[in-house]
Amino acid sequence: MPDPERQAELFAIPSPPPGCEAINDRCMLRTAGGRRMVIVSGIVLAHYAVGDRIAEAHARLALVEQGWAEQNDVARAFGCCARTVRRDERRF
């Protein structure tokens, strides 16, 4: 009979590295050294300085409009509400 603790070790889910936040199963937000990258399926979709509000809004909008993530997932990862994402859509 296999040991359940050993089985859990074999299929452990790795924790993301520091500064990374999962948006969904294919999108990730990574922050390091005052820069932020939005990564989709291993490809950088956007990169910008942490304080750049316009670039951040553009990155949120790109994720939603291109169908990579839902509004609620994007809002949670970026620390805003879904209403802010909808405002970005109207502005741009």
PDB file of N, CA and C in Angstrom:
ATOM      1  N   MET A   1       0.846  -1.189   0.000  1.00  0.00           N
ATOM      2  CA  MET A   1       0.000   0.000   0.000  1.00  0.00           C
ATOM      3  C   MET A   1       0.889   1.250   0.000  1.00  0.00           C
ATOM      4  N   PRO A   2       0.681   2.192  -0.947  1.00  0.00           N
ATOM      5  CA  PRO A   2       1.511   3.392  -1.005  1.00  0.00           C
ATOM      6  C   PRO A   2       1.262   4.306   0.194  1.00  0.00           C
ATOM      7  N   ASP A   3       2.306   4.975   0.596  1.00  0.00           N
ATOM      8  CA  ASP A   3       2.239   5.907   1.712  1.00  0.00           C
ATOM      9  C   ASP A   3       1.599   7.218   1.225  1.00  0.00           C
ATOM     10  N   PRO A   4       0.489   7.686   1.851  1.00  0.00           N
ATOM     11  CA  PRO A   4      -0.195   8.902   1.383  1.00  0.00           C
ATOM     12  C   PRO A   4       0.695  10.160   1.449  1.00  0.00           C
ATOM     13  N   GLU A   5       1.561  10.234   2.454  1.00  0.00           N
ATOM     14  CA  GLU A   5       2.447  11.398   2.542  1.00  0.00           C
ATOM     15  C   GLU A   5       3.432  11.422   1.385  1.00  0.00           C
ATOM     16  N   ARG A   6       3.917  10.262   1.016  1.00  0.00           N
ATOM     17  CA  ARG A   6       4.847  10.151  -0.114  1.00  0.00           C
ATOM     18  C   ARG A   6       4.142  10.528  -1.417  1.00  0.00           C
ATOM     19  N   GLN A   7       2.896  10.106  -1.576  1.00  0.00           N
ATOM     20  CA  GLN A   7       2.118  10.449  -2.764  1.00  0.00           C
ATOM     21  C   GLN A   7       1.931  11.968  -2.866  1.00  0.00           C
ATOM     22  N   ALA A   8       1.669  12.627  -1.731  1.00  0.00           N
ATOM     23  CA  ALA A   8       1.483  14.078  -1.744  1.00  0.00           C
ATOM     24  C   ALA A   8       2.763  14.784  -2.191  1.00  0.00           C
ATOM     25  N   GLU A   9       3.912  14.254  -1.795  1.00  0.00           N
ATOM     26  CA  GLU A   9       5.179  14.846  -2.212  1.00  0.00           C
ATOM     27  C   GLU A   9       5.401  14.712  -3.711  1.00  0.00           C
ATOM     28  N   LEU A  10       4.945  13.612  -4.290  1.00  0.00           N
ATOM     29  CA  LEU A  10       5.149  13.380  -5.718  1.00  0.00           C
ATOM     30  C   LEU A  10       4.372  14.366  -6.581  1.00  0.00           C
ATOM     31  N   PHE A  11       3.220  14.774  -6.102  1.00  0.00           N
ATOM     32  CA  PHE A  11       2.349  15.644  -6.893  1.00  0.00           C
ATOM     33  C   PHE A  11       2.125  16.993  -6.223  1.00  0.00           C
ATOM     34  N   ALA A  12       3.122  17.490  -5.548  1.00  0.00           N
ATOM     35  CA  ALA A  12       2.994  18.780  -4.870  1.00  0.00           C
ATOM     36  C   ALA A  12       2.912  19.908  -5.890  1.00  0.00           C
ATOM     37  N   ILE A  13       2.083  20.881  -5.578  1.00  0.00           N
ATOM     38  CA  ILE A  13       1.949  22.054  -6.440  1.00  0.00           C
ATOM     39  C   ILE A  13       3.008  23.061  -6.001  1.00  0.00           C
ATOM     40  N   PRO A  14       3.916  23.439  -6.901  1.00  0.00           N
ATOM     41  CA  PRO A  14       4.973  24.374  -6.499  1.00  0.00           C
ATOM     42  C   PRO A  14       4.401  25.755  -6.206  1.00  0.00           C
ATOM     43  N   SER A  15       4.936  26.410  -5.206  1.00  0.00           N
ATOM     44  CA  SER A  15       4.491  27.766  -4.899  1.00  0.00           C
ATOM     45  C   SER A  15       5.184  28.734  -5.851  1.00  0.00           C
ATOM     46  N   PRO A  16       4.497  29.803  -6.221  1.00  0.00           N
ATOM     47  CA  PRO A  16       5.109  30.760  -7.148  1.00  0.00           C
ATOM     48  C   PRO A  16       6.285  31.472  -6.487  1.00  0.00           C
ATOM     49  N   PRO A  17       7.244  31.910  -7.269  1.00  0.00           N
ATOM     50  CA  PRO A  17       8.374  32.647  -6.701  1.00  0.00           C
ATOM     51  C   PRO A  17       7.911  33.973  -6.093  1.00  0.00           C
ATOM     52  N   PRO A  18       8.713  34.557  -5.206  1.00  0.00           N
ATOM     53  CA  PRO A  18       8.316  35.837  -4.610  1.00  0.00           C
ATOM     54  C   PRO A  18       8.133  36.917  -5.681  1.00  0.00           C
ATOM     55  N   GLY A  19       7.110  37.744  -5.490  1.00  0.00           N
ATOM     56  CA  GLY A  19       6.841  38.808  -6.446  1.00  0.00           C
ATOM     57  C   GLY A  19       5.951  38.379  -7.596  1.00  0.00           C
ATOM     58  N   CYS A  20       5.456  37.144  -7.563  1.00  0.00           N
ATOM     59  CA  CYS A  20       4.579  36.642  -8.631  1.00  0.00           C
ATOM     60  C   CYS A  20       3.167  36.461  -8.102  1.00  0.00           C
ATOM     61  N   GLU A  21       2.216  36.803  -8.927  1.00  0.00           N
ATOM     62  CA  GLU A  21       0.805  36.620  -8.591  1.00  0.00           C
ATOM     63  C   GLU A  21       0.118  36.009  -9.800  1.00  0.00           C
ATOM     64  N   ALA A  22      -0.554  34.897  -9.582  1.00  0.00           N
ATOM     65  CA  ALA A  22      -1.280  34.241 -10.670  1.00  0.00           C
ATOM     66  C   ALA A  22      -2.586  34.981 -10.914  1.00  0.00           C
ATOM     67  N   ILE A  23      -2.848  35.290 -12.165  1.00  0.00           N
ATOM     68  CA  ILE A  23      -4.123  35.893 -12.544  1.00  0.00           C
ATOM     69  C   ILE A  23      -5.119  34.778 -12.821  1.00  0.00           C
ATOM     70  N   ASN A  24      -4.704  33.821 -13.608  1.00  0.00           N
ATOM     71  CA  ASN A  24      -5.452  32.587 -13.835  1.00  0.00           C
ATOM     72  C   ASN A  24      -4.443  31.514 -14.224  1.00  0.00           C
ATOM     73  N   ASP A  25      -4.891  30.416 -14.807  1.00  0.00           N
ATOM     74  CA  ASP A  25      -3.975  29.304 -15.089  1.00  0.00           C
ATOM     75  C   ASP A  25      -2.966  29.596 -16.197  1.00  0.00           C
ATOM     76  N   ARG A  26      -3.167  30.632 -16.986  1.00  0.00           N
ATOM     77  CA  ARG A  26      -2.179  30.938 -18.037  1.00  0.00           C
ATOM     78  C   ARG A  26      -1.583  32.329 -17.951  1.00  0.00           C
ATOM     79  N   CYS A  27      -2.051  33.165 -17.034  1.00  0.00           N
ATOM     80  CA  CYS A  27      -1.558  34.533 -16.905  1.00  0.00           C
ATOM     81  C   CYS A  27      -0.932  34.760 -15.533  1.00  0.00           C
ATOM     82  N   MET A  28       0.147  35.547 -15.521  1.00  0.00           N
ATOM     83  CA  MET A  28       0.853  35.825 -14.277  1.00  0.00           C
ATOM     84  C   MET A  28       1.298  37.280 -14.259  1.00  0.00           C
ATOM     85  N   LEU A  29       1.324  37.843 -13.068  1.00  0.00           N
ATOM     86  CA  LEU A  29       1.794  39.202 -12.842  1.00  0.00           C
ATOM     87  C   LEU A  29       3.053  39.085 -11.993  1.00  0.00           C
ATOM     88  N   ARG A  30       4.170  39.605 -12.491  1.00  0.00           N
ATOM     89  CA  ARG A  30       5.441  39.483 -11.779  1.00  0.00           C
ATOM     90  C   ARG A  30       6.042  40.866 -11.540  1.00  0.00           C
ATOM     91  N   THR A  31       6.432  41.129 -10.286  1.00  0.00           N
ATOM     92  CA  THR A  31       6.993  42.413  -9.899  1.00  0.00           C
ATOM     93  C   THR A  31       8.379  42.199  -9.315  1.00  0.00           C
ATOM     94  N   ALA A  32       9.351  42.949  -9.807  1.00  0.00           N
ATOM     95  CA  ALA A  32      10.720  42.871  -9.286  1.00  0.00           C
ATOM     96  C   ALA A  32      11.473  44.142  -9.660  1.00  0.00           C
ATOM     97  N   GLY A  33      12.195  44.692  -8.718  1.00  0.00           N
ATOM     98  CA  GLY A  33      13.043  45.843  -8.995  1.00  0.00           C
ATOM     99  C   GLY A  33      12.313  47.066  -9.512  1.00  0.00           C
ATOM    100  N   GLY A  34      11.085  47.295  -9.036  1.00  0.00           N
ATOM    101  CA  GLY A  34      10.341  48.462  -9.485  1.00  0.00           C
ATOM    102  C   GLY A  34       9.734  48.325 -10.866  1.00  0.00           C
ATOM    103  N   ARG A  35       9.812  47.151 -11.451  1.00  0.00           N
ATOM    104  CA  ARG A  35       9.223  46.881 -12.768  1.00  0.00           C
ATOM    105  C   ARG A  35       8.169  45.794 -12.620  1.00  0.00           C
ATOM    106  N   ARG A  36       7.218  45.774 -13.503  1.00  0.00           N
ATOM    107  CA  ARG A  36       6.172  44.757 -13.472  1.00  0.00           C
ATOM    108  C   ARG A  36       5.996  44.193 -14.876  1.00  0.00           C
ATOM    109  N   MET A  37       5.807  42.873 -14.940  1.00  0.00           N
ATOM    110  CA  MET A  37       5.554  42.193 -16.213  1.00  0.00           C
ATOM    111  C   MET A  37       4.240  41.440 -16.130  1.00  0.00           C
ATOM    112  N   VAL A  38       3.500  41.471 -17.204  1.00  0.00           N
ATOM    113  CA  VAL A  38       2.304  40.659 -17.354  1.00  0.00           C
ATOM    114  C   VAL A  38       2.673  39.564 -18.341  1.00  0.00           C
ATOM    115  N   ILE A  39       2.624  38.324 -17.882  1.00  0.00           N
ATOM    116  CA  ILE A  39       3.070  37.186 -18.683  1.00  0.00           C
ATOM    117  C   ILE A  39       1.867  36.316 -19.015  1.00  0.00           C
ATOM    118  N   VAL A  40       1.724  35.988 -20.299  1.00  0.00           N
ATOM    119  CA  VAL A  40       0.639  35.123 -20.763  1.00  0.00           C
ATOM    120  C   VAL A  40       1.260  33.938 -21.486  1.00  0.00           C
ATOM    121  N   SER A  41       1.040  32.751 -20.969  1.00  0.00           N
ATOM    122  CA  SER A  41       1.564  31.514 -21.554  1.00  0.00           C
ATOM    123  C   SER A  41       3.068  31.601 -21.811  1.00  0.00           C
ATOM    124  N   GLY A  42       3.801  32.222 -20.891  1.00  0.00           N
ATOM    125  CA  GLY A  42       5.244  32.315 -21.000  1.00  0.00           C
ATOM    126  C   GLY A  42       5.755  33.467 -21.849  1.00  0.00           C
ATOM    127  N   ILE A  43       4.850  34.251 -22.422  1.00  0.00           N
ATOM    128  CA  ILE A  43       5.232  35.381 -23.275  1.00  0.00           C
ATOM    129  C   ILE A  43       4.863  36.682 -22.565  1.00  0.00           C
ATOM    130  N   VAL A  44       5.760  37.648 -22.574  1.00  0.00           N
ATOM    131  CA  VAL A  44       5.506  38.931 -21.917  1.00  0.00           C
ATOM    132  C   VAL A  44       4.517  39.732 -22.763  1.00  0.00           C
ATOM    133  N   LEU A  45       3.361  40.005 -22.172  1.00  0.00           N
ATOM    134  CA  LEU A  45       2.332  40.791 -22.849  1.00  0.00           C
ATOM    135  C   LEU A  45       2.564  42.284 -22.623  1.00  0.00           C
ATOM    136  N   ALA A  46       3.002  42.642 -21.411  1.00  0.00           N
ATOM    137  CA  ALA A  46       3.252  44.040 -21.086  1.00  0.00           C
ATOM    138  C   ALA A  46       4.323  44.119 -20.005  1.00  0.00           C
ATOM    139  N   HIS A  47       5.097  45.200 -20.030  1.00  0.00           N
ATOM    140  CA  HIS A  47       6.046  45.475 -18.948  1.00  0.00           C
ATOM    141  C   HIS A  47       6.112  46.973 -18.761  1.00  0.00           C
ATOM    142  N   TYR A  48       6.186  47.389 -17.482  1.00  0.00           N
ATOM    143  CA  TYR A  48       6.139  48.811 -17.182  1.00  0.00           C
ATOM    144  C   TYR A  48       6.677  49.063 -15.782  1.00  0.00           C
ATOM    145  N   ALA A  49       6.935  50.314 -15.458  1.00  0.00           N
ATOM    146  CA  ALA A  49       7.357  50.706 -14.120  1.00  0.00           C
ATOM    147  C   ALA A  49       6.160  50.613 -13.188  1.00  0.00           C
ATOM    148  N   VAL A  50       6.410  50.263 -11.934  1.00  0.00           N
ATOM    149  CA  VAL A  50       5.329  50.027 -10.985  1.00  0.00           C
ATOM    150  C   VAL A  50       4.416  51.241 -10.831  1.00  0.00           C
ATOM    151  N   GLY A  51       4.900  52.450 -10.840  1.00  0.00           N
ATOM    152  CA  GLY A  51       4.065  53.632 -10.646  1.00  0.00           C
ATOM    153  C   GLY A  51       3.355  54.145 -11.882  1.00  0.00           C
ATOM    154  N   ASP A  52       3.545  53.526 -13.025  1.00  0.00           N
ATOM    155  CA  ASP A  52       2.962  54.005 -14.282  1.00  0.00           C
ATOM    156  C   ASP A  52       1.497  53.561 -14.377  1.00  0.00           C
ATOM    157  N   ARG A  53       0.581  54.445 -14.002  1.00  0.00           N
ATOM    158  CA  ARG A  53      -0.846  54.096 -13.953  1.00  0.00           C
ATOM    159  C   ARG A  53      -1.444  53.853 -15.333  1.00  0.00           C
ATOM    160  N   ILE A  54      -1.004  54.609 -16.328  1.00  0.00           N
ATOM    161  CA  ILE A  54      -1.550  54.454 -17.682  1.00  0.00           C
ATOM    162  C   ILE A  54      -1.145  53.098 -18.263  1.00  0.00           C
ATOM    163  N   ALA A  55       0.116  52.724 -18.087  1.00  0.00           N
ATOM    164  CA  ALA A  55       0.581  51.432 -18.596  1.00  0.00           C
ATOM    165  C   ALA A  55      -0.113  50.281 -17.875  1.00  0.00           C
ATOM    166  N   GLU A  56      -0.361  50.455 -16.577  1.00  0.00           N
ATOM    167  CA  GLU A  56      -1.062  49.415 -15.823  1.00  0.00           C
ATOM    168  C   GLU A  56      -2.494  49.258 -16.328  1.00  0.00           C
ATOM    169  N   ALA A  57      -3.170  50.369 -16.581  1.00  0.00           N
ATOM    170  CA  ALA A  57      -4.531  50.318 -17.116  1.00  0.00           C
ATOM    171  C   ALA A  57      -4.541  49.646 -18.488  1.00  0.00           C
ATOM    172  N   HIS A  58      -3.549  49.960 -19.304  1.00  0.00           N
ATOM    173  CA  HIS A  58      -3.451  49.349 -20.628  1.00  0.00           C
ATOM    174  C   HIS A  58      -3.235  47.832 -20.511  1.00  0.00           C
ATOM    175  N   ALA A  59      -2.405  47.405 -19.563  1.00  0.00           N
ATOM    176  CA  ALA A  59      -2.163  45.974 -19.356  1.00  0.00           C
ATOM    177  C   ALA A  59      -3.439  45.267 -18.898  1.00  0.00           C
ATOM    178  N   ARG A  60      -4.170  45.874 -17.969  1.00  0.00           N
ATOM    179  CA  ARG A  60      -5.443  45.286 -17.512  1.00  0.00           C
ATOM    180  C   ARG A  60      -6.405  45.138 -18.675  1.00  0.00           C
ATOM    181  N   LEU A  61      -6.494  46.184 -19.466  1.00  0.00           N
ATOM    182  CA  LEU A  61      -7.409  46.192 -20.603  1.00  0.00           C
ATOM    183  C   LEU A  61      -7.011  45.151 -21.647  1.00  0.00           C
ATOM    184  N   ALA A  62      -5.725  45.023 -21.921  1.00  0.00           N
ATOM    185  CA  ALA A  62      -5.257  44.051 -22.907  1.00  0.00           C
ATOM    186  C   ALA A  62      -5.616  42.628 -22.479  1.00  0.00           C
ATOM    187  N   LEU A  63      -5.453  42.314 -21.206  1.00  0.00           N
ATOM    188  CA  LEU A  63      -5.790  40.976 -20.719  1.00  0.00           C
ATOM    189  C   LEU A  63      -7.267  40.654 -20.934  1.00  0.00           C
ATOM    190  N   VAL A  64      -8.123  41.617 -20.641  1.00  0.00           N
ATOM    191  CA  VAL A  64      -9.568  41.386 -20.758  1.00  0.00           C
ATOM    192  C   VAL A  64     -10.014  41.384 -22.212  1.00  0.00           C
ATOM    193  N   GLU A  65      -9.599  42.391 -22.983  1.00  0.00           N
ATOM    194  CA  GLU A  65     -10.067  42.504 -24.369  1.00  0.00           C
ATOM    195  C   GLU A  65      -9.569  41.378 -25.261  1.00  0.00           C
ATOM    196  N   GLN A  66      -8.374  40.865 -24.998  1.00  0.00           N
ATOM    197  CA  GLN A  66      -7.849  39.775 -25.802  1.00  0.00           C
ATOM    198  C   GLN A  66      -8.336  38.406 -25.325  1.00  0.00           C
ATOM    199  N   GLY A  67      -9.126  38.405 -24.263  1.00  0.00           N
ATOM    200  CA  GLY A  67      -9.735  37.168 -23.794  1.00  0.00           C
ATOM    201  C   GLY A  67      -8.830  36.282 -22.951  1.00  0.00           C
ATOM    202  N   TRP A  68      -7.735  36.825 -22.439  1.00  0.00           N
ATOM    203  CA  TRP A  68      -6.819  36.019 -21.637  1.00  0.00           C
ATOM    204  C   TRP A  68      -7.318  35.837 -20.213  1.00  0.00           C
ATOM    205  N   ALA A  69      -8.084  36.790 -19.698  1.00  0.00           N
ATOM    206  CA  ALA A  69      -8.543  36.711 -18.313  1.00  0.00           C
ATOM    207  C   ALA A  69      -9.884  37.419 -18.162  1.00  0.00           C
ATOM    208  N   GLU A  70     -10.607  37.048 -17.123  1.00  0.00           N
ATOM    209  CA  GLU A  70     -11.884  37.683 -16.793  1.00  0.00           C
ATOM    210  C   GLU A  70     -11.630  38.970 -16.009  1.00  0.00           C
ATOM    211  N   GLN A  71     -12.587  39.873 -16.041  1.00  0.00           N
ATOM    212  CA  GLN A  71     -12.459  41.153 -15.338  1.00  0.00           C
ATOM    213  C   GLN A  71     -12.188  40.958 -13.852  1.00  0.00           C
ATOM    214  N   ASN A  72     -12.906  40.060 -13.214  1.00  0.00           N
ATOM    215  CA  ASN A  72     -12.745  39.854 -11.775  1.00  0.00           C
ATOM    216  C   ASN A  72     -11.361  39.325 -11.432  1.00  0.00           C
ATOM    217  N   ASP A  73     -10.819  38.420 -12.250  1.00  0.00           N
ATOM    218  CA  ASP A  73      -9.476  37.882 -12.008  1.00  0.00           C
ATOM    219  C   ASP A  73      -8.419  38.971 -12.159  1.00  0.00           C
ATOM    220  N   VAL A  74      -8.575  39.795 -13.183  1.00  0.00           N
ATOM    221  CA  VAL A  74      -7.630  40.886 -13.425  1.00  0.00           C
ATOM    222  C   VAL A  74      -7.695  41.887 -12.280  1.00  0.00           C
ATOM    223  N   ALA A  75      -8.886  42.238 -11.861  1.00  0.00           N
ATOM    224  CA  ALA A  75      -9.049  43.203 -10.772  1.00  0.00           C
ATOM    225  C   ALA A  75      -8.413  42.679  -9.481  1.00  0.00           C
ATOM    226  N   ARG A  76      -8.609  41.418  -9.161  1.00  0.00           N
ATOM    227  CA  ARG A  76      -8.030  40.831  -7.952  1.00  0.00           C
ATOM    228  C   ARG A  76      -6.505  40.878  -7.996  1.00  0.00           C
ATOM    229  N   ALA A  77      -5.924  40.505  -9.130  1.00  0.00           N
ATOM    230  CA  ALA A  77      -4.466  40.458  -9.251  1.00  0.00           C
ATOM    231  C   ALA A  77      -3.839  41.857  -9.195  1.00  0.00           C
ATOM    232  N   PHE A  78      -4.511  42.848  -9.761  1.00  0.00           N
ATOM    233  CA  PHE A  78      -3.971  44.205  -9.794  1.00  0.00           C
ATOM    234  C   PHE A  78      -4.372  45.026  -8.571  1.00  0.00           C
ATOM    235  N   GLY A  79      -5.161  44.443  -7.682  1.00  0.00           N
ATOM    236  CA  GLY A  79      -5.534  45.151  -6.451  1.00  0.00           C
ATOM    237  C   GLY A  79      -6.520  46.277  -6.663  1.00  0.00           C
ATOM    238  N   CYS A  80      -7.439  46.089  -7.584  1.00  0.00           N
ATOM    239  CA  CYS A  80      -8.481  47.088  -7.806  1.00  0.00           C
ATOM    240  C   CYS A  80      -9.813  46.358  -7.878  1.00  0.00           C
ATOM    241  N   CYS A  81     -10.869  47.063  -8.219  1.00  0.00           N
ATOM    242  CA  CYS A  81     -12.166  46.405  -8.347  1.00  0.00           C
ATOM    243  C   CYS A  81     -12.513  46.238  -9.832  1.00  0.00           C
ATOM    244  N   ALA A  82     -13.480  45.387 -10.104  1.00  0.00           N
ATOM    245  CA  ALA A  82     -13.892  45.129 -11.489  1.00  0.00           C
ATOM    246  C   ALA A  82     -14.422  46.410 -12.134  1.00  0.00           C
ATOM    247  N   ARG A  83     -14.959  47.284 -11.340  1.00  0.00           N
ATOM    248  CA  ARG A  83     -15.471  48.556 -11.854  1.00  0.00           C
ATOM    249  C   ARG A  83     -14.345  49.396 -12.472  1.00  0.00           C
ATOM    250  N   THR A  84     -13.162  49.342 -11.867  1.00  0.00           N
ATOM    251  CA  THR A  84     -12.004  50.058 -12.408  1.00  0.00           C
ATOM    252  C   THR A  84     -11.634  49.509 -13.780  1.00  0.00           C
ATOM    253  N   VAL A  85     -11.709  48.201 -13.944  1.00  0.00           N
ATOM    254  CA  VAL A  85     -11.399  47.583 -15.240  1.00  0.00           C
ATOM    255  C   VAL A  85     -12.423  48.037 -16.281  1.00  0.00           C
ATOM    256  N   ARG A  86     -13.693  48.111 -15.892  1.00  0.00           N
ATOM    257  CA  ARG A  86     -14.720  48.596 -16.822  1.00  0.00           C
ATOM    258  C   ARG A  86     -14.482  50.064 -17.191  1.00  0.00           C
ATOM    259  N   ARG A  87     -14.044  50.865 -16.210  1.00  0.00           N
ATOM    260  CA  ARG A  87     -13.702  52.270 -16.501  1.00  0.00           C
ATOM    261  C   ARG A  87     -12.561  52.361 -17.498  1.00  0.00           C
ATOM    262  N   ASP A  88     -11.574  51.489 -17.354  1.00  0.00           N
ATOM    263  CA  ASP A  88     -10.456  51.453 -18.315  1.00  0.00           C
ATOM    264  C   ASP A  88     -10.978  51.200 -19.718  1.00  0.00           C
ATOM    265  N   GLU A  89     -11.942  50.291 -19.833  1.00  0.00           N
ATOM    266  CA  GLU A  89     -12.517  49.981 -21.166  1.00  0.00           C
ATOM    267  C   GLU A  89     -13.172  51.213 -21.766  1.00  0.00           C
ATOM    268  N   ARG A  90     -13.894  51.965 -20.955  1.00  0.00           N
ATOM    269  CA  ARG A  90     -14.558  53.180 -21.470  1.00  0.00           C
ATOM    270  C   ARG A  90     -13.529  54.241 -21.863  1.00  0.00           C
ATOM    271  N   ARG A  91     -12.495  54.406 -21.062  1.00  0.00           N
ATOM    272  CA  ARG A  91     -11.489  55.444 -21.327  1.00  0.00           C
ATOM    273  C   ARG A  91     -10.688  55.197 -22.590  1.00  0.00           C
ATOM    274  N   PHE A  92     -10.337  53.939 -22.820  1.00  0.00           N
ATOM    275  CA  PHE A  92      -9.471  53.627 -23.949  1.00  0.00           C
ATOM    276  C   PHE A  92     -10.264  53.128 -25.114  1.00  0.00           C
TER     277      PHE A  92
END
